[in-house]
Amino acid sequence: VLGIIVGYAMHTGMEEAARKEVAANLKILTEVFLRLVKMIIAPLVFSTLVVGIAKLGDMKTVGRVGGRALLWFMSASLISLLLGMVLVNFLQPGVGLQLEASGDVADVIGKTQSFTLKDFIAHLFPKSIVEAMATNEVLQIVVFSLFFGVACASIGEYAKPVVKLLESVSHVILKMVGYVMNFAPLGVFGAIAAVIAIHGLGVLSTYAVYIGQFYLGLAVLWVILLGAGFLFLGQRMKELLRRIVQPVTIAFSTTSSEAVMPKLMEELERFGCKDKVVSFVLPL
């Protein structure tokens, strides 16, 4: 709200050149916040995933829990994709907006058209974990973490010092996540103020229908997911919703699932989920 007010004041009270200069400076707040989030992704995923796998103890347990998790991930993703395809053909969002593709979009389209299944499979496996962490290739980090965690679980006592160290590292990183989230309001403020300063309040009404259709899609998806939850949890689903409403709200407003991992892990454990399952499935 403050971003809208400040942006509108700039749009109505400043020359165009001055507005653009100030807006560019305000975007620094958003850039800093996003960089801070990206900064902690690699160590967060690596440390929590390795510890989660190591805590599960043996390959049979890892395979059973991991298999169920992947089955759910794939089923939920398929439902989400099918719902999106139905809604986009029925509602046709964006029709009439007359948007022009930027050079970045054209570049992305070119890259995706030449990206094959073979390339994707090869891309999953890192040439170097250092390179994967440096470029925030999360899938490659996950693959390396799976190998590392399974190796730790298989050698037992010898790996305990390493696992204990990584568990301490994960707690430190999760604490850092809390610090980073303190910058979230500034990041949101900078983004909103910069957009309104350049385009005015009209940009909000222009995209209102599009955003409304997007939120409708999310609402339908949530109804489906909550229905699946009730099948397994029954009336306990209400308690789970009460516990996760705060982290879900933060994730939605910042579009960052990593930012709420510590709070979500804490609430799931309080709900009754085993800590070793939470620390394995949630990072995965």
C-alpha atoms as a PDB file:
ATOM      1  CA  VAL A   1       0.000   0.000   0.000  1.00  0.00           C
ATOM      2  CA  LEU A   2       2.803   2.408   0.863  1.00  0.00           C
ATOM      3  CA  GLY A   3       4.499   1.522  -2.432  1.00  0.00           C
ATOM      4  CA  ILE A   4       1.312   2.408  -4.356  1.00  0.00           C
ATOM      5  CA  ILE A   5       0.991   5.750  -2.515  1.00  0.00           C
ATOM      6  CA  VAL A   6       4.641   6.715  -3.035  1.00  0.00           C
ATOM      7  CA  GLY A   7       4.608   5.541  -6.651  1.00  0.00           C
ATOM      8  CA  TYR A   8       1.440   7.521  -7.423  1.00  0.00           C
ATOM      9  CA  ALA A   9       2.886  10.656  -5.800  1.00  0.00           C
ATOM     10  CA  MET A  10       5.996  10.300  -7.968  1.00  0.00           C
ATOM     11  CA  HIS A  11       3.931   9.644 -11.119  1.00  0.00           C
ATOM     12  CA  THR A  12       1.824  12.783 -10.677  1.00  0.00           C
ATOM     13  CA  GLY A  13       4.440  15.133  -9.231  1.00  0.00           C
ATOM     14  CA  MET A  14       7.663  14.463 -11.149  1.00  0.00           C
ATOM     15  CA  GLU A  15       8.938  14.757 -14.711  1.00  0.00           C
ATOM     16  CA  GLU A  16       9.229  11.500 -16.683  1.00  0.00           C
ATOM     17  CA  ALA A  17      13.040  11.475 -16.712  1.00  0.00           C
ATOM     18  CA  ALA A  18      13.212  12.071 -12.959  1.00  0.00           C
ATOM     19  CA  ARG A  19      10.577   9.375 -12.331  1.00  0.00           C
ATOM     20  CA  LYS A  20      12.538   6.792 -14.276  1.00  0.00           C
ATOM     21  CA  GLU A  21      15.752   7.651 -12.432  1.00  0.00           C
ATOM     22  CA  VAL A  22      14.121   7.382  -8.986  1.00  0.00           C
ATOM     23  CA  ALA A  23      12.265   4.192 -10.009  1.00  0.00           C
ATOM     24  CA  ALA A  24      15.544   2.609 -11.095  1.00  0.00           C
ATOM     25  CA  ASN A  25      17.014   3.430  -7.670  1.00  0.00           C
ATOM     26  CA  LEU A  26      13.958   1.992  -5.874  1.00  0.00           C
ATOM     27  CA  LYS A  27      14.360  -1.271  -7.789  1.00  0.00           C
ATOM     28  CA  ILE A  28      17.690  -1.723  -5.992  1.00  0.00           C
ATOM     29  CA  LEU A  29      15.678  -2.668  -2.873  1.00  0.00           C
ATOM     30  CA  THR A  30      13.975  -5.484  -4.790  1.00  0.00           C
ATOM     31  CA  GLU A  31      17.227  -6.606  -6.404  1.00  0.00           C
ATOM     32  CA  VAL A  32      18.993  -6.782  -3.030  1.00  0.00           C
ATOM     33  CA  PHE A  33      16.161  -8.836  -1.498  1.00  0.00           C
ATOM     34  CA  LEU A  34      16.106 -11.318  -4.389  1.00  0.00           C
ATOM     35  CA  ARG A  35      19.900 -11.644  -4.288  1.00  0.00           C
ATOM     36  CA  LEU A  36      19.771 -12.367  -0.549  1.00  0.00           C
ATOM     37  CA  VAL A  37      17.184 -15.112  -1.128  1.00  0.00           C
ATOM     38  CA  LYS A  38      19.253 -16.644  -3.951  1.00  0.00           C
ATOM     39  CA  MET A  39      22.372 -16.427  -1.745  1.00  0.00           C
ATOM     40  CA  ILE A  40      21.020 -18.972   0.742  1.00  0.00           C
ATOM     41  CA  ILE A  41      19.278 -21.419  -1.607  1.00  0.00           C
ATOM     42  CA  ALA A  42      22.275 -23.660  -2.384  1.00  0.00           C
ATOM     43  CA  PRO A  43      23.566 -24.166   1.210  1.00  0.00           C
ATOM     44  CA  LEU A  44      19.984 -24.488   2.488  1.00  0.00           C
ATOM     45  CA  VAL A  45      19.006 -27.243   0.037  1.00  0.00           C
ATOM     46  CA  PHE A  46      22.300 -29.127   0.408  1.00  0.00           C
ATOM     47  CA  SER A  47      22.505 -29.123   4.216  1.00  0.00           C
ATOM     48  CA  THR A  48      18.844 -29.878   4.961  1.00  0.00           C
ATOM     49  CA  LEU A  49      18.494 -32.573   2.294  1.00  0.00           C
ATOM     50  CA  VAL A  50      21.669 -34.433   3.286  1.00  0.00           C
ATOM     51  CA  VAL A  51      20.686 -34.340   6.969  1.00  0.00           C
ATOM     52  CA  GLY A  52      17.168 -35.524   6.128  1.00  0.00           C
ATOM     53  CA  ILE A  53      18.417 -38.520   4.133  1.00  0.00           C
ATOM     54  CA  ALA A  54      21.056 -39.402   6.732  1.00  0.00           C
ATOM     55  CA  LYS A  55      18.461 -39.313   9.534  1.00  0.00           C
ATOM     56  CA  LEU A  56      16.228 -41.756   7.670  1.00  0.00           C
ATOM     57  CA  GLY A  57      19.000 -44.273   8.276  1.00  0.00           C
ATOM     58  CA  ASP A  58      18.780 -46.947   5.594  1.00  0.00           C
ATOM     59  CA  MET A  59      18.182 -47.167   1.861  1.00  0.00           C
ATOM     60  CA  LYS A  60      14.900 -49.036   2.275  1.00  0.00           C
ATOM     61  CA  THR A  61      13.387 -46.161   4.295  1.00  0.00           C
ATOM     62  CA  VAL A  62      14.844 -43.535   1.945  1.00  0.00           C
ATOM     63  CA  GLY A  63      13.377 -45.367  -1.052  1.00  0.00           C
ATOM     64  CA  ARG A  64       9.955 -45.812   0.558  1.00  0.00           C
ATOM     65  CA  VAL A  65       9.587 -42.197   1.739  1.00  0.00           C
ATOM     66  CA  GLY A  66      11.201 -40.782  -1.396  1.00  0.00           C
ATOM     67  CA  GLY A  67       9.006 -42.901  -3.663  1.00  0.00           C
ATOM     68  CA  ARG A  68       5.819 -41.726  -1.962  1.00  0.00           C
ATOM     69  CA  ALA A  69       7.016 -38.112  -2.074  1.00  0.00           C
ATOM     70  CA  LEU A  70       7.827 -38.315  -5.795  1.00  0.00           C
ATOM     71  CA  LEU A  71       4.481 -39.993  -6.517  1.00  0.00           C
ATOM     72  CA  TRP A  72       2.707 -37.102  -4.789  1.00  0.00           C
ATOM     73  CA  PHE A  73       4.872 -34.458  -6.489  1.00  0.00           C
ATOM     74  CA  MET A  74       4.200 -35.912  -9.941  1.00  0.00           C
ATOM     75  CA  SER A  75       0.457 -36.373  -9.306  1.00  0.00           C
ATOM     76  CA  ALA A  76       0.007 -32.855  -7.921  1.00  0.00           C
ATOM     77  CA  SER A  77       2.063 -31.350 -10.770  1.00  0.00           C
ATOM     78  CA  LEU A  78       0.014 -33.232 -13.375  1.00  0.00           C
ATOM     79  CA  ILE A  79      -3.237 -32.005 -11.807  1.00  0.00           C
ATOM     80  CA  SER A  80      -1.873 -28.444 -11.720  1.00  0.00           C
ATOM     81  CA  LEU A  81      -0.771 -28.563 -15.376  1.00  0.00           C
ATOM     82  CA  LEU A  82      -4.078 -30.028 -16.589  1.00  0.00           C
ATOM     83  CA  LEU A  83      -6.043 -27.425 -14.600  1.00  0.00           C
ATOM     84  CA  GLY A  84      -3.888 -24.662 -16.112  1.00  0.00           C
ATOM     85  CA  MET A  85      -4.476 -25.983 -19.647  1.00  0.00           C
ATOM     86  CA  VAL A  86      -8.256 -26.116 -19.096  1.00  0.00           C
ATOM     87  CA  LEU A  87      -8.446 -22.608 -17.596  1.00  0.00           C
ATOM     88  CA  VAL A  88      -6.147 -20.951 -20.154  1.00  0.00           C
ATOM     89  CA  ASN A  89      -8.267 -22.276 -23.021  1.00  0.00           C
ATOM     90  CA  PHE A  90     -11.550 -21.408 -21.306  1.00  0.00           C
ATOM     91  CA  LEU A  91     -10.668 -17.950 -19.912  1.00  0.00           C
ATOM     92  CA  GLN A  92      -8.007 -16.912 -22.475  1.00  0.00           C
ATOM     93  CA  PRO A  93      -6.144 -14.577 -20.074  1.00  0.00           C
ATOM     94  CA  GLY A  94      -4.154 -11.740 -21.625  1.00  0.00           C
ATOM     95  CA  VAL A  95      -6.290 -11.486 -24.765  1.00  0.00           C
ATOM     96  CA  GLY A  96      -6.632  -7.805 -25.665  1.00  0.00           C
ATOM     97  CA  LEU A  97      -3.689  -6.584 -23.583  1.00  0.00           C
ATOM     98  CA  GLN A  98      -1.530  -6.240 -26.734  1.00  0.00           C
ATOM     99  CA  LEU A  99       1.708  -7.031 -24.925  1.00  0.00           C
ATOM    100  CA  GLU A 100       4.959  -6.952 -26.854  1.00  0.00           C
ATOM    101  CA  ALA A 101       7.627  -9.590 -26.235  1.00  0.00           C
ATOM    102  CA  SER A 102      10.918  -8.130 -25.060  1.00  0.00           C
ATOM    103  CA  GLY A 103      14.302  -9.299 -26.308  1.00  0.00           C
ATOM    104  CA  ASP A 104      14.699 -11.396 -23.139  1.00  0.00           C
ATOM    105  CA  VAL A 105      11.468 -13.279 -23.867  1.00  0.00           C
ATOM    106  CA  ALA A 106      12.527 -13.999 -27.454  1.00  0.00           C
ATOM    107  CA  ASP A 107      15.852 -15.304 -26.149  1.00  0.00           C
ATOM    108  CA  VAL A 108      14.095 -17.622 -23.659  1.00  0.00           C
ATOM    109  CA  ILE A 109      11.742 -18.949 -26.365  1.00  0.00           C
ATOM    110  CA  GLY A 110      14.741 -19.739 -28.587  1.00  0.00           C
ATOM    111  CA  LYS A 111      16.489 -21.613 -25.784  1.00  0.00           C
ATOM    112  CA  THR A 112      13.424 -23.649 -24.758  1.00  0.00           C
ATOM    113  CA  GLN A 113      12.647 -24.673 -28.340  1.00  0.00           C
ATOM    114  CA  SER A 114      16.136 -26.160 -28.699  1.00  0.00           C
ATOM    115  CA  PHE A 115      16.034 -27.841 -25.261  1.00  0.00           C
ATOM    116  CA  THR A 116      15.371 -31.585 -25.644  1.00  0.00           C
ATOM    117  CA  LEU A 117      14.598 -34.392 -23.192  1.00  0.00           C
ATOM    118  CA  LYS A 118      18.147 -35.659 -23.672  1.00  0.00           C
ATOM    119  CA  ASP A 119      19.506 -32.207 -22.748  1.00  0.00           C
ATOM    120  CA  PHE A 120      17.277 -32.108 -19.657  1.00  0.00           C
ATOM    121  CA  ILE A 121      18.431 -35.521 -18.405  1.00  0.00           C
ATOM    122  CA  ALA A 122      22.081 -34.602 -18.965  1.00  0.00           C
ATOM    123  CA  HIS A 123      21.517 -31.242 -17.269  1.00  0.00           C
ATOM    124  CA  LEU A 124      20.302 -32.972 -14.080  1.00  0.00           C
ATOM    125  CA  PHE A 125      23.781 -34.276 -13.269  1.00  0.00           C
ATOM    126  CA  PRO A 126      26.390 -31.695 -12.231  1.00  0.00           C
ATOM    127  CA  LYS A 127      29.871 -31.612 -13.726  1.00  0.00           C
ATOM    128  CA  SER A 128      30.949 -29.869 -10.527  1.00  0.00           C
ATOM    129  CA  ILE A 129      29.022 -29.238  -7.312  1.00  0.00           C
ATOM    130  CA  VAL A 130      30.937 -25.978  -6.917  1.00  0.00           C
ATOM    131  CA  GLU A 131      29.736 -24.823 -10.341  1.00  0.00           C
ATOM    132  CA  ALA A 132      26.161 -25.945  -9.563  1.00  0.00           C
ATOM    133  CA  MET A 133      26.142 -23.979  -6.299  1.00  0.00           C
ATOM    134  CA  ALA A 134      27.753 -20.939  -7.925  1.00  0.00           C
ATOM    135  CA  THR A 135      25.011 -20.807 -10.583  1.00  0.00           C
ATOM    136  CA  ASN A 136      22.160 -21.922  -8.250  1.00  0.00           C
ATOM    137  CA  GLU A 137      21.295 -24.967 -10.364  1.00  0.00           C
ATOM    138  CA  VAL A 138      18.913 -26.388  -7.762  1.00  0.00           C
ATOM    139  CA  LEU A 139      18.171 -29.692  -9.540  1.00  0.00           C
ATOM    140  CA  GLN A 140      21.891 -30.439  -9.822  1.00  0.00           C
ATOM    141  CA  ILE A 141      22.360 -29.572  -6.135  1.00  0.00           C
ATOM    142  CA  VAL A 142      19.493 -31.938  -5.247  1.00  0.00           C
ATOM    143  CA  VAL A 143      21.052 -34.796  -7.257  1.00  0.00           C
ATOM    144  CA  PHE A 144      24.449 -34.307  -5.567  1.00  0.00           C
ATOM    145  CA  SER A 145      22.759 -34.033  -2.134  1.00  0.00           C
ATOM    146  CA  LEU A 146      20.894 -37.306  -2.747  1.00  0.00           C
ATOM    147  CA  PHE A 147      24.154 -39.117  -3.560  1.00  0.00           C
ATOM    148  CA  PHE A 148      25.930 -37.507  -0.599  1.00  0.00           C
ATOM    149  CA  GLY A 149      23.080 -38.234   1.840  1.00  0.00           C
ATOM    150  CA  VAL A 150      22.710 -41.859   0.735  1.00  0.00           C
ATOM    151  CA  ALA A 151      26.483 -42.344   1.102  1.00  0.00           C
ATOM    152  CA  CYS A 152      26.342 -40.902   4.639  1.00  0.00           C
ATOM    153  CA  ALA A 153      23.433 -43.178   5.549  1.00  0.00           C
ATOM    154  CA  SER A 154      25.209 -46.269   4.170  1.00  0.00           C
ATOM    155  CA  ILE A 155      28.485 -45.888   6.126  1.00  0.00           C
ATOM    156  CA  GLY A 156      26.774 -45.235   9.458  1.00  0.00           C
ATOM    157  CA  GLU A 157      29.052 -44.210  12.343  1.00  0.00           C
ATOM    158  CA  TYR A 158      31.851 -42.846  10.129  1.00  0.00           C
ATOM    159  CA  ALA A 159      29.507 -40.218   8.692  1.00  0.00           C
ATOM    160  CA  LYS A 160      28.074 -39.007  12.021  1.00  0.00           C
ATOM    161  CA  PRO A 161      30.563 -36.103  12.453  1.00  0.00           C
ATOM    162  CA  VAL A 162      29.802 -34.896   8.911  1.00  0.00           C
ATOM    163  CA  VAL A 163      26.045 -35.174   9.415  1.00  0.00           C
ATOM    164  CA  LYS A 164      26.260 -33.379  12.756  1.00  0.00           C
ATOM    165  CA  LEU A 165      28.298 -30.583  11.139  1.00  0.00           C
ATOM    166  CA  LEU A 166      25.794 -30.216   8.302  1.00  0.00           C
ATOM    167  CA  GLU A 167      22.910 -30.213  10.788  1.00  0.00           C
ATOM    168  CA  SER A 168      24.578 -27.289  12.567  1.00  0.00           C
ATOM    169  CA  VAL A 169      25.103 -25.585   9.204  1.00  0.00           C
ATOM    170  CA  SER A 170      21.417 -26.070   8.351  1.00  0.00           C
ATOM    171  CA  HIS A 171      20.368 -24.393  11.608  1.00  0.00           C
ATOM    172  CA  VAL A 172      22.680 -21.460  10.875  1.00  0.00           C
ATOM    173  CA  ILE A 173      21.309 -21.117   7.319  1.00  0.00           C
ATOM    174  CA  LEU A 174      17.724 -21.311   8.570  1.00  0.00           C
ATOM    175  CA  LYS A 175      18.525 -18.506  11.015  1.00  0.00           C
ATOM    176  CA  MET A 176      19.916 -16.511   8.084  1.00  0.00           C
ATOM    177  CA  VAL A 177      16.628 -17.077   6.237  1.00  0.00           C
ATOM    178  CA  GLY A 178      14.871 -15.307   9.101  1.00  0.00           C
ATOM    179  CA  TYR A 179      17.238 -12.353   8.759  1.00  0.00           C
ATOM    180  CA  VAL A 180      16.727 -12.199   4.985  1.00  0.00           C
ATOM    181  CA  MET A 181      12.935 -12.188   5.384  1.00  0.00           C
ATOM    182  CA  ASN A 182      13.232  -8.950   7.363  1.00  0.00           C
ATOM    183  CA  PHE A 183      14.088  -7.321   4.015  1.00  0.00           C
ATOM    184  CA  ALA A 184      10.932  -8.653   2.303  1.00  0.00           C
ATOM    185  CA  PRO A 185       8.761  -5.550   2.994  1.00  0.00           C
ATOM    186  CA  LEU A 186      11.461  -3.286   1.539  1.00  0.00           C
ATOM    187  CA  GLY A 187      11.749  -5.468  -1.551  1.00  0.00           C
ATOM    188  CA  VAL A 188       7.982  -5.438  -2.144  1.00  0.00           C
ATOM    189  CA  PHE A 189       7.822  -1.674  -1.505  1.00  0.00           C
ATOM    190  CA  GLY A 190      10.595  -0.968  -4.029  1.00  0.00           C
ATOM    191  CA  ALA A 191       9.007  -3.121  -6.734  1.00  0.00           C
ATOM    192  CA  ILE A 192       5.491  -1.664  -6.369  1.00  0.00           C
ATOM    193  CA  ALA A 193       6.626   1.965  -6.054  1.00  0.00           C
ATOM    194  CA  ALA A 194       8.866   1.702  -9.135  1.00  0.00           C
ATOM    195  CA  VAL A 195       6.104   0.196 -11.323  1.00  0.00           C
ATOM    196  CA  ILE A 196       3.442   2.714 -10.240  1.00  0.00           C
ATOM    197  CA  ALA A 197       5.869   5.636 -10.616  1.00  0.00           C
ATOM    198  CA  ILE A 198       6.479   4.785 -14.281  1.00  0.00           C
ATOM    199  CA  HIS A 199       3.060   3.485 -15.405  1.00  0.00           C
ATOM    200  CA  GLY A 200       0.650   5.113 -12.927  1.00  0.00           C
ATOM    201  CA  LEU A 201      -2.354   3.510 -11.222  1.00  0.00           C
ATOM    202  CA  GLY A 202      -3.708   2.437 -14.610  1.00  0.00           C
ATOM    203  CA  VAL A 203      -1.333  -0.520 -14.603  1.00  0.00           C
ATOM    204  CA  LEU A 204      -3.311  -2.010 -11.695  1.00  0.00           C
ATOM    205  CA  SER A 205      -6.653  -1.916 -13.537  1.00  0.00           C
ATOM    206  CA  THR A 206      -5.034  -3.127 -16.784  1.00  0.00           C
ATOM    207  CA  TYR A 207      -3.954  -6.381 -15.160  1.00  0.00           C
ATOM    208  CA  ALA A 208      -6.865  -6.716 -12.714  1.00  0.00           C
ATOM    209  CA  VAL A 209      -8.803  -9.163 -14.917  1.00  0.00           C
ATOM    210  CA  TYR A 210      -5.682 -11.181 -15.727  1.00  0.00           C
ATOM    211  CA  ILE A 211      -4.670 -11.422 -12.051  1.00  0.00           C
ATOM    212  CA  GLY A 212      -8.265 -12.260 -11.096  1.00  0.00           C
ATOM    213  CA  GLN A 213      -8.244 -15.209 -13.494  1.00  0.00           C
ATOM    214  CA  PHE A 214      -4.875 -16.303 -12.125  1.00  0.00           C
ATOM    215  CA  TYR A 215      -6.191 -16.201  -8.540  1.00  0.00           C
ATOM    216  CA  LEU A 216      -9.262 -18.165  -9.661  1.00  0.00           C
ATOM    217  CA  GLY A 217      -6.941 -20.883 -10.969  1.00  0.00           C
ATOM    218  CA  LEU A 218      -5.059 -20.955  -7.659  1.00  0.00           C
ATOM    219  CA  ALA A 219      -8.344 -21.148  -5.708  1.00  0.00           C
ATOM    220  CA  VAL A 220      -9.553 -24.132  -7.766  1.00  0.00           C
ATOM    221  CA  LEU A 221      -6.190 -25.858  -7.324  1.00  0.00           C
ATOM    222  CA  TRP A 222      -6.305 -25.292  -3.550  1.00  0.00           C
ATOM    223  CA  VAL A 223      -9.797 -26.813  -3.368  1.00  0.00           C
ATOM    224  CA  ILE A 224      -8.476 -29.925  -5.133  1.00  0.00           C
ATOM    225  CA  LEU A 225      -5.369 -30.143  -2.908  1.00  0.00           C
ATOM    226  CA  LEU A 226      -7.409 -29.619   0.275  1.00  0.00           C
ATOM    227  CA  GLY A 227      -9.791 -32.352  -0.869  1.00  0.00           C
ATOM    228  CA  ALA A 228      -6.827 -34.709  -1.245  1.00  0.00           C
ATOM    229  CA  GLY A 229      -5.643 -33.693   2.225  1.00  0.00           C
ATOM    230  CA  PHE A 230      -9.037 -34.491   3.772  1.00  0.00           C
ATOM    231  CA  LEU A 231      -8.926 -37.977   2.223  1.00  0.00           C
ATOM    232  CA  PHE A 232      -5.782 -38.763   4.249  1.00  0.00           C
ATOM    233  CA  LEU A 233      -6.107 -36.542   7.342  1.00  0.00           C
ATOM    234  CA  GLY A 234      -9.865 -36.117   7.819  1.00  0.00           C
ATOM    235  CA  GLN A 235     -10.709 -33.484  10.432  1.00  0.00           C
ATOM    236  CA  ARG A 236      -7.004 -32.991  11.293  1.00  0.00           C
ATOM    237  CA  MET A 237      -6.740 -31.071   8.008  1.00  0.00           C
ATOM    238  CA  LYS A 238      -8.238 -28.059   9.800  1.00  0.00           C
ATOM    239  CA  GLU A 239      -5.437 -28.113  12.376  1.00  0.00           C
ATOM    240  CA  LEU A 240      -2.804 -28.402   9.639  1.00  0.00           C
ATOM    241  CA  LEU A 241      -4.301 -25.422   7.779  1.00  0.00           C
ATOM    242  CA  ARG A 242      -4.282 -23.371  10.983  1.00  0.00           C
ATOM    243  CA  ARG A 243      -0.577 -24.124  11.455  1.00  0.00           C
ATOM    244  CA  ILE A 244       0.594 -23.446   7.900  1.00  0.00           C
ATOM    245  CA  VAL A 245      -1.524 -20.374   7.071  1.00  0.00           C
ATOM    246  CA  GLN A 246       1.233 -17.936   8.134  1.00  0.00           C
ATOM    247  CA  PRO A 247       4.091 -19.534   6.147  1.00  0.00           C
ATOM    248  CA  VAL A 248       1.816 -20.032   3.129  1.00  0.00           C
ATOM    249  CA  THR A 249       0.843 -16.334   3.221  1.00  0.00           C
ATOM    250  CA  ILE A 250       4.513 -15.285   3.333  1.00  0.00           C
ATOM    251  CA  ALA A 251       5.404 -17.651   0.476  1.00  0.00           C
ATOM    252  CA  PHE A 252       2.523 -16.288  -1.607  1.00  0.00           C
ATOM    253  CA  SER A 253       3.391 -12.621  -1.034  1.00  0.00           C
ATOM    254  CA  THR A 254       7.140 -13.042  -1.667  1.00  0.00           C
ATOM    255  CA  THR A 255       6.888 -15.823  -4.305  1.00  0.00           C
ATOM    256  CA  SER A 256       9.627 -17.632  -2.396  1.00  0.00           C
ATOM    257  CA  SER A 257       9.125 -21.087  -0.902  1.00  0.00           C
ATOM    258  CA  GLU A 258      12.701 -21.131   0.449  1.00  0.00           C
ATOM    259  CA  ALA A 259      11.949 -18.123   2.643  1.00  0.00           C
ATOM    260  CA  VAL A 260       9.369 -20.017   4.724  1.00  0.00           C
ATOM    261  CA  MET A 261      11.165 -23.357   5.071  1.00  0.00           C
ATOM    262  CA  PRO A 262      12.222 -22.878   8.715  1.00  0.00           C
ATOM    263  CA  LYS A 263       8.752 -21.867   9.902  1.00  0.00           C
ATOM    264  CA  LEU A 264       7.069 -24.581   7.837  1.00  0.00           C
ATOM    265  CA  MET A 265       9.418 -27.298   9.146  1.00  0.00           C
ATOM    266  CA  GLU A 266       8.726 -26.159  12.698  1.00  0.00           C
ATOM    267  CA  GLU A 267       4.937 -26.189  12.248  1.00  0.00           C
ATOM    268  CA  LEU A 268       4.902 -29.595  10.516  1.00  0.00           C
ATOM    269  CA  GLU A 269       6.893 -31.127  13.366  1.00  0.00           C
ATOM    270  CA  ARG A 270       4.486 -29.600  15.895  1.00  0.00           C
ATOM    271  CA  PHE A 271       1.617 -31.039  13.861  1.00  0.00           C
ATOM    272  CA  GLY A 272       3.084 -34.507  14.398  1.00  0.00           C
ATOM    273  CA  CYS A 273       5.253 -35.204  11.356  1.00  0.00           C
ATOM    274  CA  LYS A 274       8.547 -36.958  12.133  1.00  0.00           C
ATOM    275  CA  ASP A 275      11.496 -34.562  11.976  1.00  0.00           C
ATOM    276  CA  LYS A 276      13.527 -36.927   9.769  1.00  0.00           C
ATOM    277  CA  VAL A 277      10.669 -37.116   7.238  1.00  0.00           C
ATOM    278  CA  VAL A 278      10.142 -33.347   7.253  1.00  0.00           C
ATOM    279  CA  SER A 279      13.837 -32.585   6.790  1.00  0.00           C
ATOM    280  CA  PHE A 280      13.951 -35.008   3.824  1.00  0.00           C
ATOM    281  CA  VAL A 281      10.683 -34.330   1.983  1.00  0.00           C
ATOM    282  CA  LEU A 282      10.400 -30.547   2.388  1.00  0.00           C
ATOM    283  CA  PRO A 283      13.789 -29.633   0.820  1.00  0.00           C
ATOM    284  CA  LEU A 284      13.195 -32.264  -1.882  1.00  0.00           C
END
